[in-house]
């Protein structure tokens, strides 16, 4: 299947929620207002589409020259194993400024083996306040 990758200025809540549910990513999809705010304030969205249907996305916040927080990486389980997630990370890094920009991704415990498998560098110098909800 041919996958088309693109930077999109707008991703609708319905498509986002559909892929999140099909991917297994843990996001507050039951709170549509929160999802809409998450999408409205992201400033870098890369998508993967097959026959026009959204099958994956990477949602980030970046300044395009120094730092990029890749907050969401989701691929429909039916399409996993095709290299879509890895390609979305690569496209994000390029769009965010390439080698000049640090790209940070916080992994869910269940996804650690995936990121290690694609040889994404792992940091040991990260600190964070976890969200309460």
N, C-alpha and C. Protein backbone atom coordinates (compact mmCIF):
# COMPACT_ATOMS: atom_id res chain seq x y z
N UNK A 1 0.86 -1.19 0.00
CA UNK A 1 0.00 0.00 0.00
C UNK A 1 0.89 1.24 0.00
N UNK A 2 0.55 2.20 -0.81
CA UNK A 2 1.30 3.45 -0.91
C UNK A 2 0.91 4.39 0.23
N UNK A 3 1.89 4.85 0.97
CA UNK A 3 1.65 5.77 2.09
C UNK A 3 2.18 7.15 1.71
N UNK A 4 1.33 8.15 1.86
CA UNK A 4 1.69 9.54 1.56
C UNK A 4 1.92 10.26 2.89
N UNK A 5 3.11 10.86 3.02
CA UNK A 5 3.47 11.61 4.21
C UNK A 5 3.38 13.09 3.90
N UNK A 6 2.83 13.86 4.84
CA UNK A 6 2.68 15.30 4.59
C UNK A 6 2.65 16.06 5.91
N UNK A 7 3.05 17.31 5.81
CA UNK A 7 2.85 18.23 6.93
C UNK A 7 1.48 18.86 6.69
N UNK A 8 0.63 18.80 7.71
CA UNK A 8 -0.71 19.37 7.59
C UNK A 8 -0.89 20.44 8.65
N UNK A 9 -1.46 21.57 8.25
CA UNK A 9 -1.70 22.66 9.19
C UNK A 9 -2.89 22.38 10.10
N UNK A 10 -3.76 21.47 9.67
CA UNK A 10 -4.97 21.19 10.46
C UNK A 10 -5.23 19.69 10.46
N UNK A 11 -5.48 19.15 11.62
CA UNK A 11 -5.93 17.77 11.76
C UNK A 11 -7.18 17.81 12.61
N UNK A 12 -8.27 17.29 12.10
CA UNK A 12 -9.54 17.32 12.82
C UNK A 12 -9.59 16.33 13.97
N UNK A 13 -10.39 16.67 14.95
CA UNK A 13 -10.53 15.83 16.14
C UNK A 13 -11.05 14.44 15.80
N UNK A 14 -11.96 14.33 14.84
CA UNK A 14 -12.51 13.02 14.50
C UNK A 14 -11.43 12.07 13.98
N UNK A 15 -10.59 12.57 13.06
CA UNK A 15 -9.51 11.72 12.53
C UNK A 15 -8.50 11.38 13.62
N UNK A 16 -8.14 12.37 14.43
CA UNK A 16 -7.20 12.15 15.52
C UNK A 16 -7.72 11.07 16.47
N UNK A 17 -8.94 11.22 16.92
CA UNK A 17 -9.54 10.27 17.86
C UNK A 17 -9.61 8.87 17.26
N UNK A 18 -9.97 8.78 15.98
CA UNK A 18 -10.07 7.49 15.32
C UNK A 18 -8.72 6.76 15.33
N UNK A 19 -7.65 7.45 14.95
CA UNK A 19 -6.34 6.81 14.89
C UNK A 19 -5.82 6.52 16.30
N UNK A 20 -6.05 7.42 17.23
CA UNK A 20 -5.62 7.15 18.62
C UNK A 20 -6.26 5.86 19.12
N UNK A 21 -7.55 5.72 18.89
CA UNK A 21 -8.25 4.50 19.33
C UNK A 21 -7.71 3.26 18.63
N UNK A 22 -7.42 3.38 17.35
CA UNK A 22 -6.93 2.23 16.57
C UNK A 22 -5.46 1.91 16.84
N UNK A 23 -4.75 2.84 17.47
CA UNK A 23 -3.32 2.65 17.71
C UNK A 23 -3.02 2.09 19.10
N UNK A 24 -3.91 2.36 20.03
CA UNK A 24 -3.64 1.96 21.41
C UNK A 24 -2.97 3.06 22.22
N UNK A 25 -2.72 4.23 21.61
CA UNK A 25 -2.12 5.35 22.33
C UNK A 25 -3.07 5.82 23.42
N UNK A 26 -2.55 6.10 24.59
CA UNK A 26 -3.37 6.56 25.71
C UNK A 26 -3.47 8.09 25.68
N UNK A 27 -4.57 8.58 25.18
CA UNK A 27 -4.85 10.02 25.17
C UNK A 27 -6.30 10.22 25.60
N UNK A 28 -6.62 11.43 26.09
CA UNK A 28 -7.96 11.70 26.64
C UNK A 28 -9.03 11.89 25.56
N UNK A 29 -9.24 10.88 24.72
CA UNK A 29 -10.14 11.02 23.58
C UNK A 29 -11.61 11.15 23.98
N UNK A 30 -11.94 10.83 25.23
CA UNK A 30 -13.31 11.00 25.69
C UNK A 30 -13.62 12.48 25.98
N UNK A 31 -12.59 13.31 26.06
CA UNK A 31 -12.74 14.74 26.31
C UNK A 31 -12.45 15.48 25.01
N UNK A 32 -13.47 15.58 24.15
CA UNK A 32 -13.29 16.17 22.82
C UNK A 32 -12.76 17.60 22.88
N UNK A 33 -13.23 18.38 23.83
CA UNK A 33 -12.75 19.76 23.97
C UNK A 33 -11.25 19.82 24.21
N UNK A 34 -10.77 18.91 25.04
CA UNK A 34 -9.33 18.87 25.32
C UNK A 34 -8.56 18.44 24.07
N UNK A 35 -9.06 17.45 23.35
CA UNK A 35 -8.43 17.01 22.10
C UNK A 35 -8.37 18.18 21.11
N UNK A 36 -9.45 18.92 20.99
CA UNK A 36 -9.47 20.06 20.06
C UNK A 36 -8.43 21.11 20.46
N UNK A 37 -8.26 21.35 21.76
CA UNK A 37 -7.23 22.30 22.22
C UNK A 37 -5.83 21.75 21.94
N UNK A 38 -5.65 20.45 22.16
CA UNK A 38 -4.35 19.83 21.88
C UNK A 38 -3.97 20.03 20.41
N UNK A 39 -4.91 19.82 19.53
CA UNK A 39 -4.66 19.96 18.10
C UNK A 39 -4.48 21.41 17.70
N UNK A 40 -5.27 22.30 18.27
CA UNK A 40 -5.20 23.72 17.90
C UNK A 40 -3.86 24.34 18.28
N UNK A 41 -3.25 23.86 19.35
CA UNK A 41 -2.02 24.48 19.84
C UNK A 41 -0.75 23.75 19.41
N UNK A 42 -0.88 22.62 18.76
CA UNK A 42 0.30 21.97 18.18
C UNK A 42 0.71 22.79 16.96
N UNK A 43 2.00 22.95 16.76
CA UNK A 43 2.42 23.73 15.59
C UNK A 43 3.20 22.91 14.57
N UNK A 44 3.21 21.58 14.75
CA UNK A 44 3.80 20.71 13.73
C UNK A 44 3.05 19.38 13.75
N UNK A 45 2.34 19.12 12.68
CA UNK A 45 1.60 17.86 12.55
C UNK A 45 2.02 17.20 11.24
N UNK A 46 2.56 15.99 11.35
CA UNK A 46 2.91 15.19 10.19
C UNK A 46 1.94 14.04 10.11
N UNK A 47 1.48 13.73 8.92
CA UNK A 47 0.48 12.67 8.76
C UNK A 47 0.97 11.61 7.78
N UNK A 48 0.38 10.43 7.94
CA UNK A 48 0.57 9.33 7.01
C UNK A 48 -0.82 8.91 6.56
N UNK A 49 -1.04 8.92 5.25
CA UNK A 49 -2.35 8.57 4.70
C UNK A 49 -2.20 7.48 3.64
N UNK A 50 -3.15 6.57 3.63
CA UNK A 50 -3.23 5.53 2.61
C UNK A 50 -4.60 5.65 1.96
N UNK A 51 -4.61 5.89 0.66
CA UNK A 51 -5.86 6.13 -0.08
C UNK A 51 -6.67 7.25 0.58
N UNK A 52 -5.99 8.28 1.06
CA UNK A 52 -6.64 9.43 1.69
C UNK A 52 -7.04 9.22 3.14
N UNK A 53 -6.98 8.00 3.62
CA UNK A 53 -7.38 7.69 5.00
C UNK A 53 -6.19 7.86 5.93
N UNK A 54 -6.39 8.61 7.03
CA UNK A 54 -5.34 8.81 8.02
C UNK A 54 -5.03 7.48 8.71
N UNK A 55 -3.76 7.07 8.65
CA UNK A 55 -3.35 5.83 9.32
C UNK A 55 -2.30 6.09 10.39
N UNK A 56 -1.75 7.31 10.43
CA UNK A 56 -0.77 7.64 11.44
C UNK A 56 -0.50 9.13 11.47
N UNK A 57 0.02 9.59 12.60
CA UNK A 57 0.38 11.00 12.73
C UNK A 57 1.42 11.18 13.81
N UNK A 58 2.14 12.30 13.71
CA UNK A 58 3.04 12.78 14.74
C UNK A 58 2.64 14.21 15.04
N UNK A 59 2.35 14.49 16.32
CA UNK A 59 1.93 15.83 16.74
C UNK A 59 2.99 16.40 17.66
N UNK A 60 3.50 17.59 17.31
CA UNK A 60 4.62 18.18 18.05
C UNK A 60 4.42 19.66 18.33
N UNK A 61 5.22 20.14 19.28
CA UNK A 61 5.35 21.56 19.58
C UNK A 61 6.83 21.89 19.40
N UNK A 62 7.12 22.92 18.60
CA UNK A 62 8.51 23.23 18.28
C UNK A 62 8.72 24.71 18.00
N UNK A 63 10.00 25.14 18.11
CA UNK A 63 10.37 26.48 17.67
C UNK A 63 11.09 26.43 16.32
N UNK A 64 11.24 25.23 15.76
CA UNK A 64 11.82 24.98 14.43
C UNK A 64 13.31 25.32 14.31
N UNK A 65 14.00 25.50 15.44
CA UNK A 65 15.42 25.80 15.32
C UNK A 65 16.25 25.30 16.50
N UNK A 66 15.62 24.91 17.61
CA UNK A 66 16.39 24.48 18.77
C UNK A 66 15.76 23.29 19.48
N UNK A 67 14.43 23.29 19.63
CA UNK A 67 13.80 22.20 20.36
C UNK A 67 12.46 21.80 19.74
N UNK A 68 12.14 20.52 19.91
CA UNK A 68 10.88 19.97 19.42
C UNK A 68 10.43 18.90 20.40
N UNK A 69 9.21 19.01 20.87
CA UNK A 69 8.63 17.99 21.73
C UNK A 69 7.63 17.21 20.88
N UNK A 70 7.97 15.98 20.55
CA UNK A 70 7.08 15.11 19.79
C UNK A 70 6.15 14.46 20.81
N UNK A 71 4.98 15.03 20.95
CA UNK A 71 4.05 14.62 22.00
C UNK A 71 3.27 13.36 21.67
N UNK A 72 2.83 13.21 20.43
CA UNK A 72 2.01 12.07 20.03
C UNK A 72 2.57 11.42 18.77
N UNK A 73 2.78 10.13 18.85
CA UNK A 73 3.10 9.33 17.68
C UNK A 73 2.13 8.17 17.69
N UNK A 74 1.27 8.09 16.68
CA UNK A 74 0.25 7.04 16.64
C UNK A 74 0.14 6.47 15.24
N UNK A 75 0.05 5.14 15.17
CA UNK A 75 -0.16 4.44 13.91
C UNK A 75 -1.22 3.38 14.15
N UNK A 76 -2.21 3.37 13.28
CA UNK A 76 -3.27 2.36 13.32
C UNK A 76 -2.62 0.97 13.42
N UNK A 77 -3.07 0.15 14.37
CA UNK A 77 -2.48 -1.19 14.56
C UNK A 77 -2.50 -2.01 13.28
N UNK A 78 -3.50 -1.82 12.43
CA UNK A 78 -3.58 -2.56 11.17
C UNK A 78 -2.46 -2.19 10.21
N UNK A 79 -1.81 -1.05 10.46
CA UNK A 79 -0.74 -0.57 9.57
C UNK A 79 0.63 -0.59 10.24
N UNK A 80 0.70 -1.02 11.48
CA UNK A 80 1.99 -1.08 12.16
C UNK A 80 2.87 -2.13 11.51
N UNK A 81 4.17 -1.93 11.59
CA UNK A 81 5.12 -2.86 10.98
C UNK A 81 5.49 -2.47 9.56
N UNK A 82 4.97 -1.34 9.07
CA UNK A 82 5.27 -0.87 7.71
C UNK A 82 6.31 0.25 7.69
N UNK A 83 6.84 0.60 8.86
CA UNK A 83 7.83 1.67 8.94
C UNK A 83 7.21 3.05 9.04
N UNK A 84 5.92 3.13 9.24
CA UNK A 84 5.23 4.42 9.27
C UNK A 84 5.66 5.26 10.46
N UNK A 85 5.72 4.68 11.64
CA UNK A 85 6.12 5.42 12.84
C UNK A 85 7.52 5.98 12.70
N UNK A 86 8.45 5.16 12.26
CA UNK A 86 9.83 5.60 12.07
C UNK A 86 9.90 6.74 11.07
N UNK A 87 9.16 6.61 9.97
CA UNK A 87 9.17 7.66 8.95
C UNK A 87 8.56 8.96 9.48
N UNK A 88 7.49 8.85 10.29
CA UNK A 88 6.89 10.06 10.88
C UNK A 88 7.88 10.76 11.81
N UNK A 89 8.68 10.00 12.54
CA UNK A 89 9.71 10.61 13.39
C UNK A 89 10.75 11.32 12.51
N UNK A 90 11.19 10.67 11.45
CA UNK A 90 12.16 11.29 10.54
C UNK A 90 11.62 12.56 9.92
N UNK A 91 10.37 12.52 9.46
CA UNK A 91 9.74 13.70 8.86
C UNK A 91 9.61 14.83 9.89
N UNK A 92 9.29 14.47 11.12
CA UNK A 92 9.18 15.47 12.20
C UNK A 92 10.53 16.13 12.43
N UNK A 93 11.58 15.31 12.54
CA UNK A 93 12.91 15.86 12.78
C UNK A 93 13.32 16.82 11.67
N UNK A 94 13.07 16.43 10.43
CA UNK A 94 13.42 17.29 9.30
C UNK A 94 12.64 18.60 9.35
N UNK A 95 11.34 18.51 9.53
CA UNK A 95 10.49 19.71 9.53
C UNK A 95 10.80 20.64 10.71
N UNK A 96 11.25 20.07 11.82
CA UNK A 96 11.52 20.86 13.03
C UNK A 96 12.89 21.53 13.01
N UNK A 97 13.70 21.26 12.01
CA UNK A 97 14.99 21.92 11.93
C UNK A 97 16.17 20.98 11.75
N UNK A 98 15.90 19.70 11.61
CA UNK A 98 16.96 18.74 11.36
C UNK A 98 17.94 18.62 12.51
N UNK A 99 19.22 18.53 12.18
CA UNK A 99 20.27 18.29 13.17
C UNK A 99 20.47 19.45 14.13
N UNK A 100 19.94 20.63 13.81
CA UNK A 100 20.08 21.78 14.71
C UNK A 100 19.10 21.73 15.88
N UNK A 101 18.10 20.85 15.78
CA UNK A 101 17.01 20.82 16.75
C UNK A 101 17.03 19.53 17.56
N UNK A 102 16.91 19.65 18.87
CA UNK A 102 16.74 18.48 19.73
C UNK A 102 15.29 18.05 19.66
N UNK A 103 15.05 16.78 19.37
CA UNK A 103 13.69 16.25 19.35
C UNK A 103 13.53 15.34 20.56
N UNK A 104 12.56 15.66 21.38
CA UNK A 104 12.30 14.94 22.62
C UNK A 104 10.97 14.21 22.50
N UNK A 105 10.96 12.95 22.92
CA UNK A 105 9.75 12.14 22.94
C UNK A 105 9.74 11.39 24.26
N UNK A 106 8.63 11.46 24.98
CA UNK A 106 8.47 10.69 26.21
C UNK A 106 7.66 9.45 25.88
N UNK A 107 8.25 8.30 26.10
CA UNK A 107 7.63 7.04 25.70
C UNK A 107 6.73 6.47 26.80
N UNK A 108 5.63 5.87 26.36
CA UNK A 108 4.84 5.05 27.28
C UNK A 108 5.67 3.80 27.59
N UNK A 109 5.54 3.25 28.78
CA UNK A 109 6.33 2.06 29.13
C UNK A 109 6.18 0.93 28.11
N UNK A 110 4.99 0.76 27.57
CA UNK A 110 4.74 -0.33 26.61
C UNK A 110 5.39 -0.10 25.25
N UNK A 111 5.83 1.12 24.97
CA UNK A 111 6.42 1.43 23.67
C UNK A 111 7.95 1.51 23.71
N UNK A 112 8.54 1.32 24.86
CA UNK A 112 10.00 1.43 24.99
C UNK A 112 10.74 0.52 24.01
N UNK A 113 10.28 -0.71 23.86
CA UNK A 113 10.98 -1.64 22.97
C UNK A 113 10.91 -1.18 21.52
N UNK A 114 9.81 -0.52 21.14
CA UNK A 114 9.71 0.00 19.77
C UNK A 114 10.80 1.03 19.52
N UNK A 115 10.93 2.02 20.40
CA UNK A 115 11.92 3.08 20.19
C UNK A 115 13.34 2.55 20.25
N UNK A 116 13.58 1.58 21.13
CA UNK A 116 14.90 0.94 21.16
C UNK A 116 15.14 0.18 19.86
N UNK A 117 14.10 -0.46 19.34
CA UNK A 117 14.20 -1.24 18.10
C UNK A 117 14.53 -0.40 16.88
N UNK A 118 14.05 0.84 16.84
CA UNK A 118 14.38 1.72 15.71
C UNK A 118 15.64 2.53 16.00
N UNK A 119 16.27 2.21 17.11
CA UNK A 119 17.53 2.84 17.52
C UNK A 119 17.41 4.33 17.76
N UNK A 120 16.29 4.75 18.32
CA UNK A 120 16.15 6.15 18.72
C UNK A 120 17.01 6.35 19.96
N UNK A 121 17.84 7.37 19.98
CA UNK A 121 18.70 7.60 21.15
C UNK A 121 17.87 7.79 22.42
N UNK A 122 18.37 7.20 23.51
CA UNK A 122 17.66 7.29 24.79
C UNK A 122 18.46 8.19 25.73
N UNK A 123 17.76 9.09 26.42
CA UNK A 123 18.40 10.03 27.34
C UNK A 123 18.26 9.55 28.78
N UNK A 124 19.21 9.94 29.60
CA UNK A 124 19.11 9.65 31.03
C UNK A 124 19.14 10.93 31.85
N UNK A 125 18.94 12.06 31.18
CA UNK A 125 19.02 13.35 31.86
C UNK A 125 17.72 14.14 31.75
N UNK A 126 16.62 13.43 31.86
CA UNK A 126 15.31 14.06 31.71
C UNK A 126 14.62 14.15 33.07
N UNK A 127 13.96 15.27 33.30
CA UNK A 127 13.17 15.48 34.51
C UNK A 127 11.79 15.94 34.07
N UNK A 128 10.76 15.58 34.84
CA UNK A 128 9.43 15.99 34.44
C UNK A 128 8.46 16.01 35.61
N UNK A 129 7.47 16.86 35.46
CA UNK A 129 6.30 16.86 36.33
C UNK A 129 5.22 16.13 35.55
N UNK A 130 4.70 15.06 36.07
CA UNK A 130 3.66 14.30 35.36
C UNK A 130 2.31 15.00 35.52
N UNK A 131 1.51 14.93 34.45
CA UNK A 131 0.16 15.51 34.53
C UNK A 131 -0.65 14.71 35.53
N UNK A 132 -1.59 15.36 36.13
CA UNK A 132 -2.42 14.72 37.15
C UNK A 132 -3.63 14.01 36.55
N UNK A 133 -3.96 14.35 35.31
CA UNK A 133 -5.15 13.78 34.69
C UNK A 133 -5.01 13.72 33.20
